[in-house]
PDB file of N, CA and C in Angstrom:
ATOM      1  N   MET A   1     104.134  51.413 -44.816  1.00  0.00           N
ATOM      2  CA  MET A   1     102.869  51.381 -44.069  1.00  0.00           C
ATOM      3  C   MET A   1     102.469  49.927 -43.769  1.00  0.00           C
ATOM      4  N   ARG A   2     102.469  49.118 -44.775  1.00  0.00           N
ATOM      5  CA  ARG A   2     102.077  47.698 -44.539  1.00  0.00           C
ATOM      6  C   ARG A   2     103.150  46.991 -43.707  1.00  0.00           C
ATOM      7  N   LYS A   3     104.393  47.281 -43.982  1.00  0.00           N
ATOM      8  CA  LYS A   3     105.463  46.601 -43.206  1.00  0.00           C
ATOM      9  C   LYS A   3     105.300  46.935 -41.726  1.00  0.00           C
ATOM     10  N   GLY A   4     105.075  48.200 -41.424  1.00  0.00           N
ATOM     11  CA  GLY A   4     104.913  48.598 -40.011  1.00  0.00           C
ATOM     12  C   GLY A   4     103.717  47.873 -39.409  1.00  0.00           C
ATOM     13  N   TYR A   5     102.645  47.781 -40.189  1.00  0.00           N
ATOM     14  CA  TYR A   5     101.432  47.106 -39.681  1.00  0.00           C
ATOM     15  C   TYR A   5     101.746  45.638 -39.408  1.00  0.00           C
ATOM     16  N   LEU A   6     102.499  45.024 -40.316  1.00  0.00           N
ATOM     17  CA  LEU A   6     102.829  43.601 -40.132  1.00  0.00           C
ATOM     18  C   LEU A   6     103.709  43.433 -38.891  1.00  0.00           C
ATOM     19  N   LEU A   7     104.669  44.343 -38.724  1.00  0.00           N
ATOM     20  CA  LEU A   7     105.563  44.224 -37.560  1.00  0.00           C
ATOM     21  C   LEU A   7     104.759  44.360 -36.273  1.00  0.00           C
ATOM     22  N   ASN A   8     103.889  45.363 -36.217  1.00  0.00           N
ATOM     23  CA  ASN A   8     103.086  45.565 -34.999  1.00  0.00           C
ATOM     24  C   ASN A   8     102.112  44.402 -34.839  1.00  0.00           C
ATOM     25  N   GLY A   9     101.459  44.022 -35.934  1.00  0.00           N
ATOM     26  CA  GLY A   9     100.492  42.918 -35.863  1.00  0.00           C
ATOM     27  C   GLY A   9     101.175  41.636 -35.413  1.00  0.00           C
ATOM     28  N   ARG A  10     102.405  41.417 -35.873  1.00  0.00           N
ATOM     29  CA  ARG A  10     103.096  40.172 -35.504  1.00  0.00           C
ATOM     30  C   ARG A  10     103.263  40.110 -33.990  1.00  0.00           C
ATOM     31  N   LEU A  11     103.529  41.266 -33.388  1.00  0.00           N
ATOM     32  CA  LEU A  11     103.720  41.270 -31.925  1.00  0.00           C
ATOM     33  C   LEU A  11     102.366  41.240 -31.210  1.00  0.00           C
ATOM     34  N   LEU A  12     101.391  41.934 -31.792  1.00  0.00           N
ATOM     35  CA  LEU A  12     100.073  41.990 -31.125  1.00  0.00           C
ATOM     36  C   LEU A  12      99.220  40.770 -31.480  1.00  0.00           C
ATOM     37  N   ARG A  13      99.071  40.509 -32.785  1.00  0.00           N
ATOM     38  CA  ARG A  13      98.209  39.361 -33.164  1.00  0.00           C
ATOM     39  C   ARG A  13      98.784  38.616 -34.361  1.00  0.00           C
ATOM     40  N   PRO A  14      99.612  37.625 -34.126  1.00  0.00           N
ATOM     41  CA  PRO A  14     100.210  36.816 -35.222  1.00  0.00           C
ATOM     42  C   PRO A  14      99.129  36.259 -36.129  1.00  0.00           C
ATOM     43  N   ALA A  15      97.984  35.921 -35.565  1.00  0.00           N
ATOM     44  CA  ALA A  15      96.893  35.343 -36.369  1.00  0.00           C
ATOM     45  C   ALA A  15      96.422  36.376 -37.391  1.00  0.00           C
ATOM     46  N   MET A  16      96.263  37.615 -36.948  1.00  0.00           N
ATOM     47  CA  MET A  16      95.787  38.659 -37.866  1.00  0.00           C
ATOM     48  C   MET A  16      96.806  38.847 -38.986  1.00  0.00           C
ATOM     49  N   VAL A  17      98.075  38.749 -38.654  1.00  0.00           N
ATOM     50  CA  VAL A  17      99.119  38.918 -39.672  1.00  0.00           C
ATOM     51  C   VAL A  17      98.978  37.832 -40.725  1.00  0.00           C
ATOM     52  N   SER A  18      98.701  36.619 -40.291  1.00  0.00           N
ATOM     53  CA  SER A  18      98.547  35.506 -41.242  1.00  0.00           C
ATOM     54  C   SER A  18      97.398  35.807 -42.189  1.00  0.00           C
ATOM     55  N   VAL A  19      96.309  36.296 -41.649  1.00  0.00           N
ATOM     56  CA  VAL A  19      95.138  36.613 -42.488  1.00  0.00           C
ATOM     57  C   VAL A  19      95.498  37.733 -43.454  1.00  0.00           C
ATOM     58  N   ALA A  20      96.183  38.747 -42.961  1.00  0.00           N
ATOM     59  CA  ALA A  20      96.568  39.871 -43.821  1.00  0.00           C
ATOM     60  C   ALA A  20      97.509  39.375 -44.919  1.00  0.00           C
ATOM     61  N   ALA A  21      98.416  38.497 -44.567  1.00  0.00           N
ATOM     62  CA  ALA A  21      99.364  37.969 -45.554  1.00  0.00           C
ATOM     63  C   ALA A  21      98.594  37.212 -46.634  1.00  0.00           C
ATOM     64  N   LYS A  22      97.605  36.434 -46.240  1.00  0.00           N
ATOM     65  CA  LYS A  22      96.822  35.676 -47.239  1.00  0.00           C
ATOM     66  C   LYS A  22      96.073  36.649 -48.144  1.00  0.00           C
ATOM     67  N   LYS A  23      95.536  37.717 -47.559  1.00  0.00           N
ATOM     68  CA  LYS A  23      94.798  38.709 -48.380  1.00  0.00           C
ATOM     69  C   LYS A  23      95.783  39.392 -49.317  1.00  0.00           C
ATOM     70  N   ASP A  24      96.968  39.653 -48.822  1.00  0.00           N
ATOM     71  CA  ASP A  24      97.987  40.295 -49.657  1.00  0.00           C
ATOM     72  C   ASP A  24      98.299  39.344 -50.790  1.00  0.00           C
TER      73      ASP A  24
END
């Protein structure tokens, strides 16, 4: 679930992925 979100987020919003990674 998170991996899919990261993959989609990376294509849609790399910035959001960075924030999610920091929260993770």
